[in-house]
C-alpha cells in the first residue's frame, strides 16, 4: 500500500499492512519511492504518514483509546 510522507510528500510503500492497521504499533516498515533503485526498508512513524490524497490515517489505526475519546 502506498502512503505519502507528510513533510516531504514522497511516496512510501508500506511493506506490512497488518502493522499499519494495528493500533498498538506506532511505526510501520516501508520503502521510500525515490530514485530508480528500490530503497532499503526503514521505519516510519504513522503520525508522519497520510494517504496519497493528503487525508489523515483513521484514528482506529493510530489511537488505542479511539472509542473513548472524541476529537
PDB file of N, CA and C in Angstrom:
ATOM      1  N   UNK A   1       0.847  -1.164   0.000  1.00  0.00           N
ATOM      2  CA  UNK A   1       0.000   0.000   0.000  1.00  0.00           C
ATOM      3  C   UNK A   1       0.898   1.235   0.000  1.00  0.00           C
ATOM      4  N   UNK A   2       0.535   2.201  -0.810  1.00  0.00           N
ATOM      5  CA  UNK A   2       1.308   3.429  -0.886  1.00  0.00           C
ATOM      6  C   UNK A   2       0.678   4.512  -0.020  1.00  0.00           C
ATOM      7  N   UNK A   3       1.527   5.175   0.759  1.00  0.00           N
ATOM      8  CA  UNK A   3       1.141   6.335   1.538  1.00  0.00           C
ATOM      9  C   UNK A   3       2.117   7.452   1.205  1.00  0.00           C
ATOM     10  N   UNK A   4       1.855   8.629   1.728  1.00  0.00           N
ATOM     11  CA  UNK A   4       2.708   9.778   1.455  1.00  0.00           C
ATOM     12  C   UNK A   4       3.299  10.269   2.761  1.00  0.00           C
ATOM     13  N   UNK A   5       4.589  10.600   2.725  1.00  0.00           N
ATOM     14  CA  UNK A   5       5.241  11.191   3.886  1.00  0.00           C
ATOM     15  C   UNK A   5       4.768  12.645   3.995  1.00  0.00           C
ATOM     16  N   UNK A   6       4.309  12.996   5.177  1.00  0.00           N
ATOM     17  CA  UNK A   6       3.675  14.304   5.390  1.00  0.00           C
ATOM     18  C   UNK A   6       4.597  15.473   5.015  1.00  0.00           C
ATOM     19  N   UNK A   7       5.827  15.479   5.496  1.00  0.00           N
ATOM     20  CA  UNK A   7       6.726  16.626   5.304  1.00  0.00           C
ATOM     21  C   UNK A   7       7.227  16.747   3.871  1.00  0.00           C
ATOM     22  N   UNK A   8       7.759  15.653   3.330  1.00  0.00           N
ATOM     23  CA  UNK A   8       8.408  15.718   2.025  1.00  0.00           C
ATOM     24  C   UNK A   8       7.456  15.501   0.856  1.00  0.00           C
ATOM     25  N   UNK A   9       6.351  14.800   1.115  1.00  0.00           N
ATOM     26  CA  UNK A   9       5.438  14.466   0.019  1.00  0.00           C
ATOM     27  C   UNK A   9       5.872  13.243  -0.764  1.00  0.00           C
ATOM     28  N   UNK A  10       6.977  12.600  -0.352  1.00  0.00           N
ATOM     29  CA  UNK A  10       7.467  11.403  -1.038  1.00  0.00           C
ATOM     30  C   UNK A  10       6.561  10.213  -0.754  1.00  0.00           C
ATOM     31  N   UNK A  11       6.456   9.324  -1.729  1.00  0.00           N
ATOM     32  CA  UNK A  11       5.653   8.119  -1.545  1.00  0.00           C
ATOM     33  C   UNK A  11       6.413   7.092  -0.731  1.00  0.00           C
ATOM     34  N   UNK A  12       5.665   6.352   0.093  1.00  0.00           N
ATOM     35  CA  UNK A  12       6.214   5.274   0.913  1.00  0.00           C
ATOM     36  C   UNK A  12       5.407   4.022   0.616  1.00  0.00           C
ATOM     37  N   UNK A  13       6.096   2.959   0.229  1.00  0.00           N
ATOM     38  CA  UNK A  13       5.459   1.666   0.007  1.00  0.00           C
ATOM     39  C   UNK A  13       5.499   0.906   1.329  1.00  0.00           C
ATOM     40  N   UNK A  14       4.346   0.743   1.977  1.00  0.00           N
ATOM     41  CA  UNK A  14       4.271   0.048   3.260  1.00  0.00           C
ATOM     42  C   UNK A  14       4.461  -1.446   3.019  1.00  0.00           C
ATOM     43  N   UNK A  15       5.469  -2.028   3.690  1.00  0.00           N
ATOM     44  CA  UNK A  15       5.832  -3.426   3.479  1.00  0.00           C
ATOM     45  C   UNK A  15       4.789  -4.365   4.073  1.00  0.00           C
ATOM     46  N   UNK A  16       4.376  -4.103   5.299  1.00  0.00           N
ATOM     47  CA  UNK A  16       3.449  -4.996   6.014  1.00  0.00           C
ATOM     48  C   UNK A  16       2.217  -4.206   6.428  1.00  0.00           C
ATOM     49  N   UNK A  17       1.112  -4.394   5.727  1.00  0.00           N
ATOM     50  CA  UNK A  17      -0.086  -3.601   6.011  1.00  0.00           C
ATOM     51  C   UNK A  17      -0.740  -3.974   7.335  1.00  0.00           C
ATOM     52  N   UNK A  18      -0.478  -5.155   7.864  1.00  0.00           N
ATOM     53  CA  UNK A  18      -1.081  -5.506   9.150  1.00  0.00           C
ATOM     54  C   UNK A  18      -0.543  -4.623  10.273  1.00  0.00           C
ATOM     55  N   UNK A  19       0.707  -4.201  10.186  1.00  0.00           N
ATOM     56  CA  UNK A  19       1.239  -3.297  11.207  1.00  0.00           C
ATOM     57  C   UNK A  19       0.651  -1.895  11.045  1.00  0.00           C
ATOM     58  N   UNK A  20       0.237  -1.553   9.839  1.00  0.00           N
ATOM     59  CA  UNK A  20      -0.388  -0.255   9.593  1.00  0.00           C
ATOM     60  C   UNK A  20      -1.743  -0.174  10.286  1.00  0.00           C
ATOM     61  N   UNK A  21      -2.510  -1.233  10.234  1.00  0.00           N
ATOM     62  CA  UNK A  21      -3.848  -1.226  10.829  1.00  0.00           C
ATOM     63  C   UNK A  21      -3.850  -1.629  12.296  1.00  0.00           C
ATOM     64  N   UNK A  22      -2.698  -2.083  12.823  1.00  0.00           N
ATOM     65  CA  UNK A  22      -2.609  -2.445  14.234  1.00  0.00           C
ATOM     66  C   UNK A  22      -2.430  -1.163  15.052  1.00  0.00           C
ATOM     67  N   UNK A  23      -3.423  -0.826  15.840  1.00  0.00           N
ATOM     68  CA  UNK A  23      -3.390   0.449  16.558  1.00  0.00           C
ATOM     69  C   UNK A  23      -2.370   0.485  17.678  1.00  0.00           C
ATOM     70  N   UNK A  24      -1.765  -0.639  18.020  1.00  0.00           N
ATOM     71  CA  UNK A  24      -0.735  -0.650  19.070  1.00  0.00           C
ATOM     72  C   UNK A  24       0.675  -0.491  18.500  1.00  0.00           C
ATOM     73  N   UNK A  25       0.804  -0.422  17.198  1.00  0.00           N
ATOM     74  CA  UNK A  25       2.094  -0.148  16.561  1.00  0.00           C
ATOM     75  C   UNK A  25       2.108   1.318  16.144  1.00  0.00           C
ATOM     76  N   UNK A  26       3.114   2.066  16.582  1.00  0.00           N
ATOM     77  CA  UNK A  26       3.179   3.465  16.186  1.00  0.00           C
ATOM     78  C   UNK A  26       4.086   3.702  14.988  1.00  0.00           C
ATOM     79  N   UNK A  27       4.771   2.639  14.530  1.00  0.00           N
ATOM     80  CA  UNK A  27       5.630   2.725  13.351  1.00  0.00           C
ATOM     81  C   UNK A  27       5.300   1.596  12.376  1.00  0.00           C
ATOM     82  N   UNK A  28       5.593   1.836  11.123  1.00  0.00           N
ATOM     83  CA  UNK A  28       5.428   0.813  10.096  1.00  0.00           C
ATOM     84  C   UNK A  28       6.715   0.730   9.286  1.00  0.00           C
ATOM     85  N   UNK A  29       6.960  -0.432   8.727  1.00  0.00           N
ATOM     86  CA  UNK A  29       8.117  -0.614   7.871  1.00  0.00           C
ATOM     87  C   UNK A  29       7.714  -0.297   6.437  1.00  0.00           C
ATOM     88  N   UNK A  30       8.529   0.503   5.782  1.00  0.00           N
ATOM     89  CA  UNK A  30       8.219   0.875   4.409  1.00  0.00           C
ATOM     90  C   UNK A  30       9.469   1.228   3.629  1.00  0.00           C
ATOM     91  N   UNK A  31       9.263   1.414   2.334  1.00  0.00           N
ATOM     92  CA  UNK A  31      10.362   1.793   1.433  1.00  0.00           C
ATOM     93  C   UNK A  31      10.005   3.110   0.749  1.00  0.00           C
ATOM     94  N   UNK A  32      10.892   4.081   0.841  1.00  0.00           N
ATOM     95  CA  UNK A  32      10.701   5.328   0.102  1.00  0.00           C
ATOM     96  C   UNK A  32      10.753   5.041  -1.385  1.00  0.00           C
ATOM     97  N   UNK A  33       9.906   5.669  -2.125  1.00  0.00           N
ATOM     98  CA  UNK A  33       9.894   5.516  -3.574  1.00  0.00           C
ATOM     99  C   UNK A  33      10.598   6.719  -4.189  1.00  0.00           C
ATOM    100  N   UNK A  34      11.916   6.720  -4.070  1.00  0.00           N
ATOM    101  CA  UNK A  34      12.725   7.822  -4.587  1.00  0.00           C
ATOM    102  C   UNK A  34      13.890   7.225  -5.364  1.00  0.00           C
ATOM    103  N   UNK A  35      14.159   7.759  -6.521  1.00  0.00           N
ATOM    104  CA  UNK A  35      15.245   7.234  -7.341  1.00  0.00           C
ATOM    105  C   UNK A  35      14.778   6.039  -8.156  1.00  0.00           C
ATOM    106  N   UNK A  36      15.714   5.436  -8.860  1.00  0.00           N
ATOM    107  CA  UNK A  36      15.367   4.331  -9.748  1.00  0.00           C
ATOM    108  C   UNK A  36      15.534   2.973  -9.094  1.00  0.00           C
ATOM    109  N   UNK A  37      16.360   2.888  -8.057  1.00  0.00           N
ATOM    110  CA  UNK A  37      16.578   1.611  -7.387  1.00  0.00           C
ATOM    111  C   UNK A  37      15.665   1.489  -6.184  1.00  0.00           C
ATOM    112  N   UNK A  38      15.285   0.245  -5.888  1.00  0.00           N
ATOM    113  CA  UNK A  38      14.440   0.012  -4.720  1.00  0.00           C
ATOM    114  C   UNK A  38      15.240   0.317  -3.457  1.00  0.00           C
ATOM    115  N   UNK A  39      14.633   1.111  -2.580  1.00  0.00           N
ATOM    116  CA  UNK A  39      15.291   1.530  -1.353  1.00  0.00           C
ATOM    117  C   UNK A  39      15.177   0.444  -0.286  1.00  0.00           C
ATOM    118  N   UNK A  40      16.090   0.467   0.665  1.00  0.00           N
ATOM    119  CA  UNK A  40      16.032  -0.464   1.790  1.00  0.00           C
ATOM    120  C   UNK A  40      14.853  -0.092   2.688  1.00  0.00           C
ATOM    121  N   UNK A  41      14.230  -1.097   3.317  1.00  0.00           N
ATOM    122  CA  UNK A  41      13.125  -0.791   4.235  1.00  0.00           C
ATOM    123  C   UNK A  41      13.619   0.006   5.439  1.00  0.00           C
ATOM    124  N   UNK A  42      12.761   0.879   5.933  1.00  0.00           N
ATOM    125  CA  UNK A  42      13.054   1.646   7.138  1.00  0.00           C
ATOM    126  C   UNK A  42      11.748   1.861   7.884  1.00  0.00           C
ATOM    127  N   UNK A  43      11.853   2.303   9.133  1.00  0.00           N
ATOM    128  CA  UNK A  43      10.664   2.531   9.942  1.00  0.00           C
ATOM    129  C   UNK A  43      10.165   3.962   9.760  1.00  0.00           C
ATOM    130  N   UNK A  44       8.846   4.101   9.648  1.00  0.00           N
ATOM    131  CA  UNK A  44       8.187   5.394   9.543  1.00  0.00           C
ATOM    132  C   UNK A  44       7.137   5.483  10.643  1.00  0.00           C
ATOM    133  N   UNK A  45       7.075   6.611  11.320  1.00  0.00           N
ATOM    134  CA  UNK A  45       6.024   6.823  12.317  1.00  0.00           C
ATOM    135  C   UNK A  45       4.705   7.033  11.577  1.00  0.00           C
ATOM    136  N   UNK A  46       3.668   6.412  12.091  1.00  0.00           N
ATOM    137  CA  UNK A  46       2.352   6.571  11.465  1.00  0.00           C
ATOM    138  C   UNK A  46       1.916   8.035  11.468  1.00  0.00           C
ATOM    139  N   UNK A  47       2.321   8.782  12.491  1.00  0.00           N
ATOM    140  CA  UNK A  47       1.940  10.194  12.581  1.00  0.00           C
ATOM    141  C   UNK A  47       2.553  11.028  11.457  1.00  0.00           C
ATOM    142  N   UNK A  48       3.587  10.502  10.791  1.00  0.00           N
ATOM    143  CA  UNK A  48       4.241  11.223   9.706  1.00  0.00           C
ATOM    144  C   UNK A  48       3.727  10.812   8.334  1.00  0.00           C
ATOM    145  N   UNK A  49       2.719   9.918   8.316  1.00  0.00           N
ATOM    146  CA  UNK A  49       2.191   9.413   7.052  1.00  0.00           C
ATOM    147  C   UNK A  49       0.742   9.837   6.861  1.00  0.00           C
ATOM    148  N   UNK A  50       0.370  10.067   5.619  1.00  0.00           N
ATOM    149  CA  UNK A  50      -1.007  10.365   5.238  1.00  0.00           C
ATOM    150  C   UNK A  50      -1.307   9.572   3.966  1.00  0.00           C
ATOM    151  N   UNK A  51      -2.599   9.491   3.617  1.00  0.00           N
ATOM    152  CA  UNK A  51      -2.961   8.883   2.348  1.00  0.00           C
ATOM    153  C   UNK A  51      -2.464   9.761   1.211  1.00  0.00           C
ATOM    154  N   UNK A  52      -2.394   9.214   0.023  1.00  0.00           N
ATOM    155  CA  UNK A  52      -1.877   9.965  -1.120  1.00  0.00           C
ATOM    156  C   UNK A  52      -2.719  11.210  -1.403  1.00  0.00           C
ATOM    157  N   UNK A  53      -3.978  11.202  -0.999  1.00  0.00           N
ATOM    158  CA  UNK A  53      -4.854  12.361  -1.190  1.00  0.00           C
ATOM    159  C   UNK A  53      -4.582  13.466  -0.172  1.00  0.00           C
ATOM    160  N   UNK A  54      -3.766  13.155   0.858  1.00  0.00           N
ATOM    161  CA  UNK A  54      -3.489  14.103   1.925  1.00  0.00           C
ATOM    162  C   UNK A  54      -4.353  13.876   3.151  1.00  0.00           C
ATOM    163  N   UNK A  55      -5.294  12.944   3.050  1.00  0.00           N
ATOM    164  CA  UNK A  55      -6.189  12.642   4.173  1.00  0.00           C
ATOM    165  C   UNK A  55      -5.430  11.907   5.270  1.00  0.00           C
ATOM    166  N   UNK A  56      -5.768  12.218   6.521  1.00  0.00           N
ATOM    167  CA  UNK A  56      -5.145  11.582   7.678  1.00  0.00           C
ATOM    168  C   UNK A  56      -5.501  10.088   7.731  1.00  0.00           C
ATOM    169  N   UNK A  57      -4.640   9.315   8.407  1.00  0.00           N
ATOM    170  CA  UNK A  57      -4.957   7.913   8.654  1.00  0.00           C
ATOM    171  C   UNK A  57      -6.105   7.837   9.659  1.00  0.00           C
ATOM    172  N   UNK A  58      -6.936   6.805   9.584  1.00  0.00           N
ATOM    173  CA  UNK A  58      -8.048   6.687  10.536  1.00  0.00           C
ATOM    174  C   UNK A  58      -7.543   6.565  11.973  1.00  0.00           C
ATOM    175  N   UNK A  59      -8.271   7.159  12.899  1.00  0.00           N
ATOM    176  CA  UNK A  59      -7.890   7.089  14.324  1.00  0.00           C
ATOM    177  C   UNK A  59      -7.858   5.656  14.821  1.00  0.00           C
ATOM    178  N   UNK A  60      -8.703   4.786  14.263  1.00  0.00           N
ATOM    179  CA  UNK A  60      -8.728   3.390  14.718  1.00  0.00           C
ATOM    180  C   UNK A  60      -7.453   2.644  14.309  1.00  0.00           C
ATOM    181  N   UNK A  61      -6.585   3.256  13.517  1.00  0.00           N
ATOM    182  CA  UNK A  61      -5.284   2.672  13.164  1.00  0.00           C
ATOM    183  C   UNK A  61      -4.175   3.238  14.044  1.00  0.00           C
ATOM    184  N   UNK A  62      -4.434   4.351  14.725  1.00  0.00           N
ATOM    185  CA  UNK A  62      -3.353   5.055  15.417  1.00  0.00           C
ATOM    186  C   UNK A  62      -3.576   5.298  16.903  1.00  0.00           C
ATOM    187  N   UNK A  63      -4.817   5.255  17.368  1.00  0.00           N
ATOM    188  CA  UNK A  63      -5.130   5.637  18.748  1.00  0.00           C
ATOM    189  C   UNK A  63      -5.814   4.483  19.484  1.00  0.00           C
ATOM    190  N   UNK A  64      -5.125   3.844  20.437  1.00  0.00           N
ATOM    191  CA  UNK A  64      -5.727   2.724  21.167  1.00  0.00           C
ATOM    192  C   UNK A  64      -6.997   3.105  21.929  1.00  0.00           C
ATOM    193  N   UNK A  65      -7.173   4.377  22.271  1.00  0.00           N
ATOM    194  CA  UNK A  65      -8.351   4.838  23.007  1.00  0.00           C
ATOM    195  C   UNK A  65      -9.346   5.567  22.095  1.00  0.00           C
ATOM    196  N   UNK A  66      -9.369   5.224  20.824  1.00  0.00           N
ATOM    197  CA  UNK A  66     -10.202   5.965  19.886  1.00  0.00           C
ATOM    198  C   UNK A  66     -11.692   5.875  20.208  1.00  0.00           C
ATOM    199  N   UNK A  67     -12.120   4.836  20.884  1.00  0.00           N
ATOM    200  CA  UNK A  67     -13.547   4.701  21.205  1.00  0.00           C
ATOM    201  C   UNK A  67     -13.962   5.571  22.385  1.00  0.00           C
ATOM    202  N   UNK A  68     -13.035   5.853  23.283  1.00  0.00           N
ATOM    203  CA  UNK A  68     -13.397   6.580  24.497  1.00  0.00           C
ATOM    204  C   UNK A  68     -13.187   8.090  24.381  1.00  0.00           C
ATOM    205  N   UNK A  69     -12.479   8.536  23.366  1.00  0.00           N
ATOM    206  CA  UNK A  69     -12.212   9.976  23.208  1.00  0.00           C
ATOM    207  C   UNK A  69     -12.828  10.502  21.940  1.00  0.00           C
ATOM    208  N   UNK A  70     -13.227  11.738  21.992  1.00  0.00           N
ATOM    209  CA  UNK A  70     -13.695  12.430  20.790  1.00  0.00           C
ATOM    210  C   UNK A  70     -12.738  13.546  20.469  1.00  0.00           C
ATOM    211  N   UNK A  71     -12.608  13.849  19.226  1.00  0.00           N
ATOM    212  CA  UNK A  71     -11.714  14.919  18.813  1.00  0.00           C
ATOM    213  C   UNK A  71     -12.388  16.237  18.774  1.00  0.00           C
TER     214      UNK A  71
END
